[in-house]
Amino acid sequence: MAHPDDLELWAGGTLALHAQHASVVGAVQSHDPTRNAEAQASAKILGIDIALHSRLDAATVGTLIRRHRPDVLITHPTDDVHPDHRATAQAVLAGLPAAHIATGAPRKLYTCDTYNSLTLNGPVTASVIIDISATYERKMRALAEHHSQPISEHFGPMAENLSALWGARIGTARAEAFRPLPILGRLPAAAHL
């Protein structure tokens, strides 16, 4: 992810949910010491590990995939409204092919939600919506650790609204949205509907 609060904001409930059953590592672009410390504290609340990197370029992404061999990789939308998010997504797309060929990982690649679910090309089209009702409070506590950011007046209310809207779409209190991207021309298979 591009910023120290992106894990929590866009996928925090899902990451906390998955961390109950598997190891989860969040790779984040390093910033200043304050924001990095907030990211570390937030990761503890989510129950995940965090790897801060001075650069999240294609080479770093490839190295991370080879080291961690994730089953699932989540990045920003390739058409995100934030230029840092787009750059991170492009680094993932550039670093993934060679690492995937070498390791078979990841098996699944998803993009997450973004600011008010709007990309440069219109609304986020999410075909995977995860019920985070059980981990929503943990997501919000983790997000609140980012004291240097406008959480209470901007990001917090947006996260609350988005999770409620996505939740309403699947008949739950809270949810987060994702869209699968093909890896070398293949989307993840589904066993059933």
C-alpha atoms as a PDB file:
ATOM      1  CA  MET A   1       0.000   0.000   0.000  1.00  0.00           C
ATOM      2  CA  ALA A   2       1.073   3.564  -0.621  1.00  0.00           C
ATOM      3  CA  HIS A   3       0.516   5.134   2.818  1.00  0.00           C
ATOM      4  CA  PRO A   4       0.815   3.957   6.434  1.00  0.00           C
ATOM      5  CA  ASP A   5      -2.960   4.187   6.986  1.00  0.00           C
ATOM      6  CA  ASP A   6      -4.034   2.527   3.720  1.00  0.00           C
ATOM      7  CA  LEU A   7      -4.094  -1.023   5.084  1.00  0.00           C
ATOM      8  CA  GLU A   8      -6.625  -0.083   7.750  1.00  0.00           C
ATOM      9  CA  LEU A   9      -8.668   2.289   5.661  1.00  0.00           C
ATOM     10  CA  TRP A  10      -9.233   0.104   2.613  1.00  0.00           C
ATOM     11  CA  ALA A  11      -8.853  -3.476   3.912  1.00  0.00           C
ATOM     12  CA  GLY A  12      -8.466  -3.384   7.703  1.00  0.00           C
ATOM     13  CA  GLY A  13     -11.509  -5.476   8.540  1.00  0.00           C
ATOM     14  CA  THR A  14     -10.633  -8.094   5.939  1.00  0.00           C
ATOM     15  CA  LEU A  15      -6.992  -8.250   7.043  1.00  0.00           C
ATOM     16  CA  ALA A  16      -8.026  -8.665  10.690  1.00  0.00           C
ATOM     17  CA  LEU A  17     -10.481 -11.381   9.668  1.00  0.00           C
ATOM     18  CA  HIS A  18      -7.849 -13.280   7.674  1.00  0.00           C
ATOM     19  CA  ALA A  19      -5.248 -12.841  10.430  1.00  0.00           C
ATOM     20  CA  GLN A  20      -7.439 -15.024  12.646  1.00  0.00           C
ATOM     21  CA  HIS A  21      -6.637 -17.967  10.334  1.00  0.00           C
ATOM     22  CA  ALA A  22      -3.365 -17.199   8.537  1.00  0.00           C
ATOM     23  CA  SER A  23      -0.276 -15.024   8.591  1.00  0.00           C
ATOM     24  CA  VAL A  24      -0.899 -11.591   7.101  1.00  0.00           C
ATOM     25  CA  VAL A  25       1.878  -9.191   6.095  1.00  0.00           C
ATOM     26  CA  GLY A  26       1.161  -5.648   4.993  1.00  0.00           C
ATOM     27  CA  ALA A  27       3.783  -3.969   2.828  1.00  0.00           C
ATOM     28  CA  VAL A  28       3.651  -0.202   3.071  1.00  0.00           C
ATOM     29  CA  GLN A  29       5.649   2.668   1.665  1.00  0.00           C
ATOM     30  CA  SER A  30       7.683   4.113   4.537  1.00  0.00           C
ATOM     31  CA  HIS A  31       7.074   7.743   5.478  1.00  0.00           C
ATOM     32  CA  ASP A  32       8.254   9.823   8.432  1.00  0.00           C
ATOM     33  CA  PRO A  33       8.972   8.274  11.868  1.00  0.00           C
ATOM     34  CA  THR A  34       5.599   9.401  13.271  1.00  0.00           C
ATOM     35  CA  ARG A  35       3.537   7.817  10.503  1.00  0.00           C
ATOM     36  CA  ASN A  36       5.681   4.671  10.548  1.00  0.00           C
ATOM     37  CA  ALA A  37       5.142   4.286  14.312  1.00  0.00           C
ATOM     38  CA  GLU A  38       1.401   4.726  13.810  1.00  0.00           C
ATOM     39  CA  ALA A  39       1.469   2.001  11.166  1.00  0.00           C
ATOM     40  CA  GLN A  40       3.265  -0.369  13.541  1.00  0.00           C
ATOM     41  CA  ALA A  41       0.770   0.295  16.358  1.00  0.00           C
ATOM     42  CA  SER A  42      -2.153  -0.125  13.988  1.00  0.00           C
ATOM     43  CA  ALA A  43      -0.807  -3.411  12.612  1.00  0.00           C
ATOM     44  CA  LYS A  44      -0.697  -4.813  16.151  1.00  0.00           C
ATOM     45  CA  ILE A  45      -4.370  -4.013  16.611  1.00  0.00           C
ATOM     46  CA  LEU A  46      -5.229  -5.744  13.324  1.00  0.00           C
ATOM     47  CA  GLY A  47      -3.105  -8.740  14.296  1.00  0.00           C
ATOM     48  CA  ILE A  48      -0.870  -8.499  11.236  1.00  0.00           C
ATOM     49  CA  ASP A  49       2.817  -7.987  10.536  1.00  0.00           C
ATOM     50  CA  ILE A  50       3.928  -4.889   8.690  1.00  0.00           C
ATOM     51  CA  ALA A  51       6.900  -4.353   6.406  1.00  0.00           C
ATOM     52  CA  LEU A  52       7.862  -0.721   5.823  1.00  0.00           C
ATOM     53  CA  HIS A  53       9.924  -0.078   2.694  1.00  0.00           C
ATOM     54  CA  SER A  54      11.647   3.083   1.558  1.00  0.00           C
ATOM     55  CA  ARG A  55      10.430   2.330  -1.963  1.00  0.00           C
ATOM     56  CA  LEU A  56       7.621   0.131  -3.182  1.00  0.00           C
ATOM     57  CA  ASP A  57       8.773  -0.246  -6.737  1.00  0.00           C
ATOM     58  CA  ALA A  58       8.520  -3.287  -9.015  1.00  0.00           C
ATOM     59  CA  ALA A  59      11.794  -4.765  -7.740  1.00  0.00           C
ATOM     60  CA  THR A  60      10.686  -4.459  -4.107  1.00  0.00           C
ATOM     61  CA  VAL A  61       7.296  -6.006  -4.905  1.00  0.00           C
ATOM     62  CA  GLY A  62       8.997  -8.918  -6.661  1.00  0.00           C
ATOM     63  CA  THR A  63      11.323  -9.460  -3.710  1.00  0.00           C
ATOM     64  CA  LEU A  64       8.410  -9.370  -1.257  1.00  0.00           C
ATOM     65  CA  ILE A  65       6.436 -11.915  -3.291  1.00  0.00           C
ATOM     66  CA  ARG A  66       9.441 -14.246  -3.455  1.00  0.00           C
ATOM     67  CA  ARG A  67      10.067 -13.878   0.292  1.00  0.00           C
ATOM     68  CA  HIS A  68       6.509 -14.194   1.617  1.00  0.00           C
ATOM     69  CA  ARG A  69       4.836 -16.205  -1.183  1.00  0.00           C
ATOM     70  CA  PRO A  70       1.367 -14.847  -0.446  1.00  0.00           C
ATOM     71  CA  ASP A  71      -1.736 -16.743  -1.491  1.00  0.00           C
ATOM     72  CA  VAL A  72      -3.543 -13.410  -1.867  1.00  0.00           C
ATOM     73  CA  LEU A  73      -2.193  -9.962  -2.725  1.00  0.00           C
ATOM     74  CA  ILE A  74      -4.249  -6.778  -2.350  1.00  0.00           C
ATOM     75  CA  THR A  75      -3.293  -3.468  -3.935  1.00  0.00           C
ATOM     76  CA  HIS A  76      -4.910  -0.170  -4.853  1.00  0.00           C
ATOM     77  CA  PRO A  77      -7.071   0.228  -7.971  1.00  0.00           C
ATOM     78  CA  THR A  78      -4.990   0.803 -11.076  1.00  0.00           C
ATOM     79  CA  ASP A  79      -7.219   3.790 -11.875  1.00  0.00           C
ATOM     80  CA  ASP A  80      -7.273   5.201  -8.328  1.00  0.00           C
ATOM     81  CA  VAL A  81      -7.820   8.941  -7.974  1.00  0.00           C
ATOM     82  CA  HIS A  82      -4.708   9.253  -5.764  1.00  0.00           C
ATOM     83  CA  PRO A  83      -1.457   9.298  -7.775  1.00  0.00           C
ATOM     84  CA  ASP A  84       0.478   7.474  -5.024  1.00  0.00           C
ATOM     85  CA  HIS A  85      -2.115   4.685  -5.056  1.00  0.00           C
ATOM     86  CA  ARG A  86      -1.867   4.369  -8.844  1.00  0.00           C
ATOM     87  CA  ALA A  87       1.943   4.243  -8.643  1.00  0.00           C
ATOM     88  CA  THR A  88       1.806   1.468  -6.053  1.00  0.00           C
ATOM     89  CA  ALA A  89      -0.687  -0.527  -8.125  1.00  0.00           C
ATOM     90  CA  GLN A  90       1.546  -0.120 -11.182  1.00  0.00           C
ATOM     91  CA  ALA A  91       4.566  -1.333  -9.164  1.00  0.00           C
ATOM     92  CA  VAL A  92       2.577  -4.423  -8.171  1.00  0.00           C
ATOM     93  CA  LEU A  93       1.582  -5.094 -11.785  1.00  0.00           C
ATOM     94  CA  ALA A  94       5.179  -4.626 -12.943  1.00  0.00           C
ATOM     95  CA  GLY A  95       6.786  -6.713 -10.192  1.00  0.00           C
ATOM     96  CA  LEU A  96       4.281  -9.533 -10.092  1.00  0.00           C
ATOM     97  CA  PRO A  97       4.751 -11.485 -13.360  1.00  0.00           C
ATOM     98  CA  ALA A  98       8.356 -12.640 -12.903  1.00  0.00           C
ATOM     99  CA  ALA A  99       7.825 -13.383  -9.213  1.00  0.00           C
ATOM    100  CA  HIS A 100       4.631 -15.322  -9.970  1.00  0.00           C
ATOM    101  CA  ILE A 101       6.354 -17.366 -12.680  1.00  0.00           C
ATOM    102  CA  ALA A 102       9.182 -18.168 -10.252  1.00  0.00           C
ATOM    103  CA  THR A 103       7.036 -19.001  -7.212  1.00  0.00           C
ATOM    104  CA  GLY A 104       3.423 -19.540  -8.246  1.00  0.00           C
ATOM    105  CA  ALA A 105       2.485 -16.814  -5.758  1.00  0.00           C
ATOM    106  CA  PRO A 106       0.178 -15.074  -5.361  1.00  0.00           C
ATOM    107  CA  ARG A 107      -2.708 -17.248  -6.484  1.00  0.00           C
ATOM    108  CA  LYS A 108      -5.146 -14.310  -6.233  1.00  0.00           C
ATOM    109  CA  LEU A 109      -4.730 -10.585  -6.862  1.00  0.00           C
ATOM    110  CA  TYR A 110      -7.337  -8.041  -5.783  1.00  0.00           C
ATOM    111  CA  THR A 111      -7.727  -4.303  -5.801  1.00  0.00           C
ATOM    112  CA  CYS A 112      -9.352  -2.629  -2.799  1.00  0.00           C
ATOM    113  CA  ASP A 113     -11.761   0.252  -2.429  1.00  0.00           C
ATOM    114  CA  THR A 114     -10.766   3.906  -2.681  1.00  0.00           C
ATOM    115  CA  TYR A 115     -11.962   7.413  -1.819  1.00  0.00           C
ATOM    116  CA  ASN A 116     -15.774   7.296  -1.745  1.00  0.00           C
ATOM    117  CA  SER A 117     -15.560   4.275  -4.073  1.00  0.00           C
ATOM    118  CA  LEU A 118     -14.769   6.518  -7.057  1.00  0.00           C
ATOM    119  CA  THR A 119     -11.915   5.902  -9.494  1.00  0.00           C
ATOM    120  CA  LEU A 120     -10.775   7.975 -12.460  1.00  0.00           C
ATOM    121  CA  ASN A 121     -13.107   5.828 -14.567  1.00  0.00           C
ATOM    122  CA  GLY A 122     -16.170   5.979 -12.331  1.00  0.00           C
ATOM    123  CA  PRO A 123     -17.483   3.923  -9.408  1.00  0.00           C
ATOM    124  CA  VAL A 124     -15.491   1.000  -8.002  1.00  0.00           C
ATOM    125  CA  THR A 125     -16.773  -2.227  -9.515  1.00  0.00           C
ATOM    126  CA  ALA A 126     -16.385  -4.812  -6.792  1.00  0.00           C
ATOM    127  CA  SER A 127     -17.306  -8.419  -7.387  1.00  0.00           C
ATOM    128  CA  VAL A 128     -16.033  -9.622  -4.002  1.00  0.00           C
ATOM    129  CA  ILE A 129     -17.552  -8.127  -0.865  1.00  0.00           C
ATOM    130  CA  ILE A 130     -16.296  -9.369   2.509  1.00  0.00           C
ATOM    131  CA  ASP A 131     -18.476  -9.193   5.627  1.00  0.00           C
ATOM    132  CA  ILE A 132     -16.335  -7.425   8.265  1.00  0.00           C
ATOM    133  CA  SER A 133     -19.062  -6.961  10.849  1.00  0.00           C
ATOM    134  CA  ALA A 134     -17.064  -9.036  13.352  1.00  0.00           C
ATOM    135  CA  THR A 135     -13.818  -7.093  12.790  1.00  0.00           C
ATOM    136  CA  TYR A 136     -15.168  -3.618  12.051  1.00  0.00           C
ATOM    137  CA  GLU A 137     -14.428  -2.239  15.530  1.00  0.00           C
ATOM    138  CA  ARG A 138     -10.838  -3.515  15.290  1.00  0.00           C
ATOM    139  CA  LYS A 139     -10.498  -1.835  11.879  1.00  0.00           C
ATOM    140  CA  MET A 140     -11.692   1.482  13.324  1.00  0.00           C
ATOM    141  CA  ARG A 141      -9.428   1.218  16.403  1.00  0.00           C
ATOM    142  CA  ALA A 142      -6.485   0.530  14.093  1.00  0.00           C
ATOM    143  CA  LEU A 143      -7.406   3.486  11.885  1.00  0.00           C
ATOM    144  CA  ALA A 144      -7.651   5.747  14.951  1.00  0.00           C
ATOM    145  CA  GLU A 145      -3.981   5.013  15.734  1.00  0.00           C
ATOM    146  CA  HIS A 146      -3.051   7.357  12.885  1.00  0.00           C
ATOM    147  CA  HIS A 147      -3.201  10.485  15.060  1.00  0.00           C
ATOM    148  CA  SER A 148      -1.188  12.557  12.572  1.00  0.00           C
ATOM    149  CA  GLN A 149      -3.909  12.148   9.938  1.00  0.00           C
ATOM    150  CA  PRO A 150      -7.427  13.649   9.754  1.00  0.00           C
ATOM    151  CA  ILE A 151      -9.111  10.450  10.933  1.00  0.00           C
ATOM    152  CA  SER A 152     -12.002  11.773  13.018  1.00  0.00           C
ATOM    153  CA  GLU A 153     -12.998  14.484  10.542  1.00  0.00           C
ATOM    154  CA  HIS A 154     -12.288  12.789   7.202  1.00  0.00           C
ATOM    155  CA  PHE A 155     -11.017   9.196   6.925  1.00  0.00           C
ATOM    156  CA  GLY A 156     -13.012   7.766   9.834  1.00  0.00           C
ATOM    157  CA  PRO A 157     -16.407   8.959   8.594  1.00  0.00           C
ATOM    158  CA  MET A 158     -15.538   7.837   5.061  1.00  0.00           C
ATOM    159  CA  ALA A 159     -14.557   4.354   6.305  1.00  0.00           C
ATOM    160  CA  GLU A 160     -17.777   4.200   8.318  1.00  0.00           C
ATOM    161  CA  ASN A 161     -19.934   5.212   5.344  1.00  0.00           C
ATOM    162  CA  LEU A 162     -18.213   2.897   2.863  1.00  0.00           C
ATOM    163  CA  SER A 163     -18.361  -0.129   5.159  1.00  0.00           C
ATOM    164  CA  ALA A 164     -22.060   0.499   5.812  1.00  0.00           C
ATOM    165  CA  LEU A 165     -22.830   0.890   2.098  1.00  0.00           C
ATOM    166  CA  TRP A 166     -20.909  -2.254   1.082  1.00  0.00           C
ATOM    167  CA  GLY A 167     -22.498  -4.074   4.017  1.00  0.00           C
ATOM    168  CA  ALA A 168     -25.970  -3.070   2.875  1.00  0.00           C
ATOM    169  CA  ARG A 169     -25.245  -4.580  -0.528  1.00  0.00           C
ATOM    170  CA  ILE A 170     -24.736  -8.016   1.014  1.00  0.00           C
ATOM    171  CA  GLY A 171     -27.207  -7.697   3.879  1.00  0.00           C
ATOM    172  CA  THR A 172     -24.691  -7.247   6.710  1.00  0.00           C
ATOM    173  CA  ALA A 173     -23.768  -4.366   8.987  1.00  0.00           C
ATOM    174  CA  ARG A 174     -20.248  -3.784   7.608  1.00  0.00           C
ATOM    175  CA  ALA A 175     -18.258  -4.928   4.586  1.00  0.00           C
ATOM    176  CA  GLU A 176     -15.229  -4.154   2.418  1.00  0.00           C
ATOM    177  CA  ALA A 177     -15.077  -4.417  -1.357  1.00  0.00           C
ATOM    178  CA  PHE A 178     -12.502  -5.935  -3.703  1.00  0.00           C
ATOM    179  CA  ARG A 179     -12.107  -6.627  -7.409  1.00  0.00           C
ATOM    180  CA  PRO A 180     -10.062  -9.546  -8.753  1.00  0.00           C
ATOM    181  CA  LEU A 181      -7.379  -8.789 -11.325  1.00  0.00           C
ATOM    182  CA  PRO A 182      -6.038 -11.433 -13.673  1.00  0.00           C
ATOM    183  CA  ILE A 183      -2.564 -12.802 -13.029  1.00  0.00           C
ATOM    184  CA  LEU A 184      -0.959 -13.591 -16.384  1.00  0.00           C
ATOM    185  CA  GLY A 185      -4.431 -13.805 -17.934  1.00  0.00           C
ATOM    186  CA  ARG A 186      -6.047 -15.940 -15.208  1.00  0.00           C
ATOM    187  CA  LEU A 187      -8.641 -15.020 -12.620  1.00  0.00           C
ATOM    188  CA  PRO A 188      -9.074 -17.063  -9.427  1.00  0.00           C
ATOM    189  CA  ALA A 189     -11.372 -20.047  -9.828  1.00  0.00           C
ATOM    190  CA  ALA A 190     -14.529 -20.400  -7.748  1.00  0.00           C
ATOM    191  CA  ALA A 191     -15.659 -23.789  -6.461  1.00  0.00           C
ATOM    192  CA  HIS A 192     -19.311 -22.689  -6.524  1.00  0.00           C
ATOM    193  CA  LEU A 193     -21.464 -19.577  -6.473  1.00  0.00           C
END
